[in-house]
Amino acid sequence: MNTELENSPEYVNESPYDQGWMLEVQMDNVDDIQHLMRAKEYKDYVHEKNWRES
């Protein structure tokens, strides 16, 4: 857990990929990382999904 957020919660919005992280994830199988989306891919995915449902 990122204890810096206790005193500076604005880091979540201002620096989400650097100082604003909330937790670390430990993977049992490092090959699973191939199935994760990058930030832009996820943004596009959410946009497309919301567009289809409207």
PDB file of N, CA and C in Angstrom:
ATOM      1  N   MET A   1       0.847  -1.185   0.000  1.00  0.00           N
ATOM      2  CA  MET A   1       0.000   0.000   0.000  1.00  0.00           C
ATOM      3  C   MET A   1       0.888   1.243   0.000  1.00  0.00           C
ATOM      4  N   ASN A   2       0.450   2.247  -0.698  1.00  0.00           N
ATOM      5  CA  ASN A   2       1.199   3.484  -0.828  1.00  0.00           C
ATOM      6  C   ASN A   2       0.844   4.415   0.324  1.00  0.00           C
ATOM      7  N   THR A   3       1.692   4.484   1.316  1.00  0.00           N
ATOM      8  CA  THR A   3       1.413   5.309   2.499  1.00  0.00           C
ATOM      9  C   THR A   3       1.512   6.811   2.214  1.00  0.00           C
ATOM     10  N   GLU A   4       2.140   7.199   1.102  1.00  0.00           N
ATOM     11  CA  GLU A   4       2.205   8.619   0.733  1.00  0.00           C
ATOM     12  C   GLU A   4       0.815   9.199   0.484  1.00  0.00           C
ATOM     13  N   LEU A   5      -0.132   8.359   0.096  1.00  0.00           N
ATOM     14  CA  LEU A   5      -1.483   8.838  -0.203  1.00  0.00           C
ATOM     15  C   LEU A   5      -2.222   9.318   1.034  1.00  0.00           C
ATOM     16  N   GLU A   6      -1.804   8.866   2.207  1.00  0.00           N
ATOM     17  CA  GLU A   6      -2.452   9.307   3.440  1.00  0.00           C
ATOM     18  C   GLU A   6      -2.333  10.817   3.609  1.00  0.00           C
ATOM     19  N   ASN A   7      -1.187  11.369   3.258  1.00  0.00           N
ATOM     20  CA  ASN A   7      -0.956  12.807   3.393  1.00  0.00           C
ATOM     21  C   ASN A   7      -1.157  13.574   2.091  1.00  0.00           C
ATOM     22  N   SER A   8      -1.170  12.870   0.974  1.00  0.00           N
ATOM     23  CA  SER A   8      -1.300  13.522  -0.331  1.00  0.00           C
ATOM     24  C   SER A   8      -2.227  12.730  -1.251  1.00  0.00           C
ATOM     25  N   PRO A   9      -3.516  12.663  -0.931  1.00  0.00           N
ATOM     26  CA  PRO A   9      -4.433  11.880  -1.765  1.00  0.00           C
ATOM     27  C   PRO A   9      -4.569  12.419  -3.187  1.00  0.00           C
ATOM     28  N   GLU A  10      -4.188  13.657  -3.404  1.00  0.00           N
ATOM     29  CA  GLU A  10      -4.274  14.246  -4.745  1.00  0.00           C
ATOM     30  C   GLU A  10      -3.354  13.547  -5.737  1.00  0.00           C
ATOM     31  N   TYR A  11      -2.373  12.792  -5.242  1.00  0.00           N
ATOM     32  CA  TYR A  11      -1.481  12.049  -6.132  1.00  0.00           C
ATOM     33  C   TYR A  11      -2.249  11.072  -7.016  1.00  0.00           C
ATOM     34  N   VAL A  12      -3.378  10.573  -6.543  1.00  0.00           N
ATOM     35  CA  VAL A  12      -4.161   9.625  -7.334  1.00  0.00           C
ATOM     36  C   VAL A  12      -4.556  10.257  -8.665  1.00  0.00           C
ATOM     37  N   ASN A  13      -4.955  11.513  -8.644  1.00  0.00           N
ATOM     38  CA  ASN A  13      -5.351  12.216  -9.866  1.00  0.00           C
ATOM     39  C   ASN A  13      -4.172  12.866 -10.580  1.00  0.00           C
ATOM     40  N   GLU A  14      -3.238  13.375  -9.813  1.00  0.00           N
ATOM     41  CA  GLU A  14      -2.142  14.137 -10.409  1.00  0.00           C
ATOM     42  C   GLU A  14      -1.030  13.254 -10.976  1.00  0.00           C
ATOM     43  N   SER A  15      -0.822  12.101 -10.387  1.00  0.00           N
ATOM     44  CA  SER A  15       0.304  11.259 -10.780  1.00  0.00           C
ATOM     45  C   SER A  15      -0.032   9.775 -10.609  1.00  0.00           C
ATOM     46  N   PRO A  16      -1.081   9.293 -11.311  1.00  0.00           N
ATOM     47  CA  PRO A  16      -1.544   7.925 -11.073  1.00  0.00           C
ATOM     48  C   PRO A  16      -0.528   6.833 -11.429  1.00  0.00           C
ATOM     49  N   TYR A  17       0.390   7.117 -12.341  1.00  0.00           N
ATOM     50  CA  TYR A  17       1.361   6.092 -12.747  1.00  0.00           C
ATOM     51  C   TYR A  17       2.697   6.235 -12.033  1.00  0.00           C
ATOM     52  N   ASP A  18       2.824   7.222 -11.171  1.00  0.00           N
ATOM     53  CA  ASP A  18       4.090   7.432 -10.469  1.00  0.00           C
ATOM     54  C   ASP A  18       3.855   7.456  -8.964  1.00  0.00           C
ATOM     55  N   GLN A  19       3.388   8.576  -8.428  1.00  0.00           N
ATOM     56  CA  GLN A  19       3.206   8.713  -6.983  1.00  0.00           C
ATOM     57  C   GLN A  19       1.827   8.280  -6.504  1.00  0.00           C
ATOM     58  N   GLY A  20       0.861   8.166  -7.406  1.00  0.00           N
ATOM     59  CA  GLY A  20      -0.516   7.928  -6.999  1.00  0.00           C
ATOM     60  C   GLY A  20      -0.972   6.482  -7.008  1.00  0.00           C
ATOM     61  N   TRP A  21      -0.052   5.556  -7.136  1.00  0.00           N
ATOM     62  CA  TRP A  21      -0.455   4.150  -7.130  1.00  0.00           C
ATOM     63  C   TRP A  21      -1.037   3.784  -5.772  1.00  0.00           C
ATOM     64  N   MET A  22      -1.976   2.832  -5.772  1.00  0.00           N
ATOM     65  CA  MET A  22      -2.649   2.444  -4.533  1.00  0.00           C
ATOM     66  C   MET A  22      -2.184   1.094  -3.994  1.00  0.00           C
ATOM     67  N   LEU A  23      -1.861   0.184  -4.877  1.00  0.00           N
ATOM     68  CA  LEU A  23      -1.441  -1.142  -4.422  1.00  0.00           C
ATOM     69  C   LEU A  23      -0.541  -1.798  -5.440  1.00  0.00           C
ATOM     70  N   GLU A  24       0.162  -2.783  -5.002  1.00  0.00           N
ATOM     71  CA  GLU A  24       1.002  -3.587  -5.873  1.00  0.00           C
ATOM     72  C   GLU A  24       0.363  -4.960  -5.985  1.00  0.00           C
ATOM     73  N   VAL A  25       0.509  -5.551  -7.145  1.00  0.00           N
ATOM     74  CA  VAL A  25      -0.059  -6.872  -7.389  1.00  0.00           C
ATOM     75  C   VAL A  25       1.082  -7.838  -7.663  1.00  0.00           C
ATOM     76  N   GLN A  26       1.054  -8.954  -6.973  1.00  0.00           N
ATOM     77  CA  GLN A  26       2.033  -9.998  -7.229  1.00  0.00           C
ATOM     78  C   GLN A  26       1.324 -11.118  -7.976  1.00  0.00           C
ATOM     79  N   MET A  27       1.861 -11.456  -9.126  1.00  0.00           N
ATOM     80  CA  MET A  27       1.224 -12.465  -9.967  1.00  0.00           C
ATOM     81  C   MET A  27       1.857 -13.823  -9.703  1.00  0.00           C
ATOM     82  N   ASP A  28       1.026 -14.852  -9.695  1.00  0.00           N
ATOM     83  CA  ASP A  28       1.534 -16.213  -9.555  1.00  0.00           C
ATOM     84  C   ASP A  28       2.201 -16.686 -10.842  1.00  0.00           C
ATOM     85  N   ASN A  29       1.681 -16.218 -11.969  1.00  0.00           N
ATOM     86  CA  ASN A  29       2.208 -16.630 -13.270  1.00  0.00           C
ATOM     87  C   ASN A  29       2.536 -15.364 -14.061  1.00  0.00           C
ATOM     88  N   VAL A  30       3.799 -15.048 -14.206  1.00  0.00           N
ATOM     89  CA  VAL A  30       4.196 -13.805 -14.883  1.00  0.00           C
ATOM     90  C   VAL A  30       3.782 -13.784 -16.351  1.00  0.00           C
ATOM     91  N   ASP A  31       3.503 -14.930 -16.937  1.00  0.00           N
ATOM     92  CA  ASP A  31       3.033 -14.958 -18.327  1.00  0.00           C
ATOM     93  C   ASP A  31       1.651 -14.329 -18.469  1.00  0.00           C
ATOM     94  N   ASP A  32       0.902 -14.243 -17.365  1.00  0.00           N
ATOM     95  CA  ASP A  32      -0.425 -13.632 -17.408  1.00  0.00           C
ATOM     96  C   ASP A  32      -0.375 -12.148 -17.758  1.00  0.00           C
ATOM     97  N   ILE A  33       0.765 -11.529 -17.578  1.00  0.00           N
ATOM     98  CA  ILE A  33       0.890 -10.092 -17.864  1.00  0.00           C
ATOM     99  C   ILE A  33       0.623  -9.802 -19.341  1.00  0.00           C
ATOM    100  N   GLN A  34       0.808 -10.789 -20.193  1.00  0.00           N
ATOM    101  CA  GLN A  34       0.545 -10.618 -21.620  1.00  0.00           C
ATOM    102  C   GLN A  34      -0.927 -10.327 -21.895  1.00  0.00           C
ATOM    103  N   HIS A  35      -1.802 -10.685 -20.973  1.00  0.00           N
ATOM    104  CA  HIS A  35      -3.238 -10.519 -21.166  1.00  0.00           C
ATOM    105  C   HIS A  35      -3.774  -9.202 -20.602  1.00  0.00           C
ATOM    106  N   LEU A  36      -2.895  -8.400 -19.994  1.00  0.00           N
ATOM    107  CA  LEU A  36      -3.335  -7.120 -19.437  1.00  0.00           C
ATOM    108  C   LEU A  36      -3.345  -6.046 -20.516  1.00  0.00           C
ATOM    109  N   MET A  37      -4.225  -5.066 -20.351  1.00  0.00           N
ATOM    110  CA  MET A  37      -4.302  -3.946 -21.288  1.00  0.00           C
ATOM    111  C   MET A  37      -3.444  -2.794 -20.790  1.00  0.00           C
ATOM    112  N   ARG A  38      -2.883  -2.075 -21.710  1.00  0.00           N
ATOM    113  CA  ARG A  38      -2.206  -0.820 -21.381  1.00  0.00           C
ATOM    114  C   ARG A  38      -3.293   0.226 -21.129  1.00  0.00           C
ATOM    115  N   ALA A  39      -2.929   1.360 -20.554  1.00  0.00           N
ATOM    116  CA  ALA A  39      -3.904   2.397 -20.203  1.00  0.00           C
ATOM    117  C   ALA A  39      -4.720   2.837 -21.413  1.00  0.00           C
ATOM    118  N   LYS A  40      -4.085   3.082 -22.552  1.00  0.00           N
ATOM    119  CA  LYS A  40      -4.804   3.526 -23.755  1.00  0.00           C
ATOM    120  C   LYS A  40      -5.739   2.440 -24.259  1.00  0.00           C
ATOM    121  N   GLU A  41      -5.297   1.196 -24.234  1.00  0.00           N
ATOM    122  CA  GLU A  41      -6.160   0.094 -24.673  1.00  0.00           C
ATOM    123  C   GLU A  41      -7.403   0.012 -23.797  1.00  0.00           C
ATOM    124  N   TYR A  42      -7.213   0.165 -22.491  1.00  0.00           N
ATOM    125  CA  TYR A  42      -8.347   0.093 -21.577  1.00  0.00           C
ATOM    126  C   TYR A  42      -9.300   1.274 -21.794  1.00  0.00           C
ATOM    127  N   LYS A  43      -8.747   2.460 -21.987  1.00  0.00           N
ATOM    128  CA  LYS A  43      -9.573   3.638 -22.243  1.00  0.00           C
ATOM    129  C   LYS A  43     -10.409   3.438 -23.507  1.00  0.00           C
ATOM    130  N   ASP A  44      -9.777   2.937 -24.564  1.00  0.00           N
ATOM    131  CA  ASP A  44     -10.501   2.673 -25.813  1.00  0.00           C
ATOM    132  C   ASP A  44     -11.571   1.603 -25.615  1.00  0.00           C
ATOM    133  N   TYR A  45     -11.242   0.573 -24.857  1.00  0.00           N
ATOM    134  CA  TYR A  45     -12.188  -0.512 -24.578  1.00  0.00           C
ATOM    135  C   TYR A  45     -13.419   0.023 -23.844  1.00  0.00           C
ATOM    136  N   VAL A  46     -13.203   0.819 -22.812  1.00  0.00           N
ATOM    137  CA  VAL A  46     -14.316   1.372 -22.038  1.00  0.00           C
ATOM    138  C   VAL A  46     -15.153   2.300 -22.906  1.00  0.00           C
ATOM    139  N   HIS A  47     -14.506   3.126 -23.709  1.00  0.00           N
ATOM    140  CA  HIS A  47     -15.217   4.036 -24.601  1.00  0.00           C
ATOM    141  C   HIS A  47     -16.092   3.243 -25.570  1.00  0.00           C
ATOM    142  N   GLU A  48     -15.531   2.219 -26.174  1.00  0.00           N
ATOM    143  CA  GLU A  48     -16.280   1.404 -27.131  1.00  0.00           C
ATOM    144  C   GLU A  48     -17.440   0.687 -26.446  1.00  0.00           C
ATOM    145  N   LYS A  49     -17.211   0.150 -25.275  1.00  0.00           N
ATOM    146  CA  LYS A  49     -18.260  -0.562 -24.548  1.00  0.00           C
ATOM    147  C   LYS A  49     -19.391   0.397 -24.166  1.00  0.00           C
ATOM    148  N   ASN A  50     -19.064   1.576 -23.697  1.00  0.00           N
ATOM    149  CA  ASN A  50     -20.084   2.571 -23.330  1.00  0.00           C
ATOM    150  C   ASN A  50     -20.852   3.041 -24.556  1.00  0.00           C
ATOM    151  N   TRP A  51     -20.158   3.190 -25.672  1.00  0.00           N
ATOM    152  CA  TRP A  51     -20.811   3.633 -26.894  1.00  0.00           C
ATOM    153  C   TRP A  51     -21.829   2.608 -27.368  1.00  0.00           C
ATOM    154  N   ARG A  52     -21.478   1.330 -27.274  1.00  0.00           N
ATOM    155  CA  ARG A  52     -22.390   0.266 -27.711  1.00  0.00           C
ATOM    156  C   ARG A  52     -23.622   0.168 -26.817  1.00  0.00           C
ATOM    157  N   GLU A  53     -23.465   0.434 -25.539  1.00  0.00           N
ATOM    158  CA  GLU A  53     -24.573   0.288 -24.595  1.00  0.00           C
ATOM    159  C   GLU A  53     -25.490   1.496 -24.552  1.00  0.00           C
ATOM    160  N   SER A  54     -25.109   2.598 -25.167  1.00  0.00           N
ATOM    161  CA  SER A  54     -25.968   3.782 -25.135  1.00  0.00           C
ATOM    162  C   SER A  54     -27.028   3.735 -26.200  1.00  0.00           C
TER     163      SER A  54
END
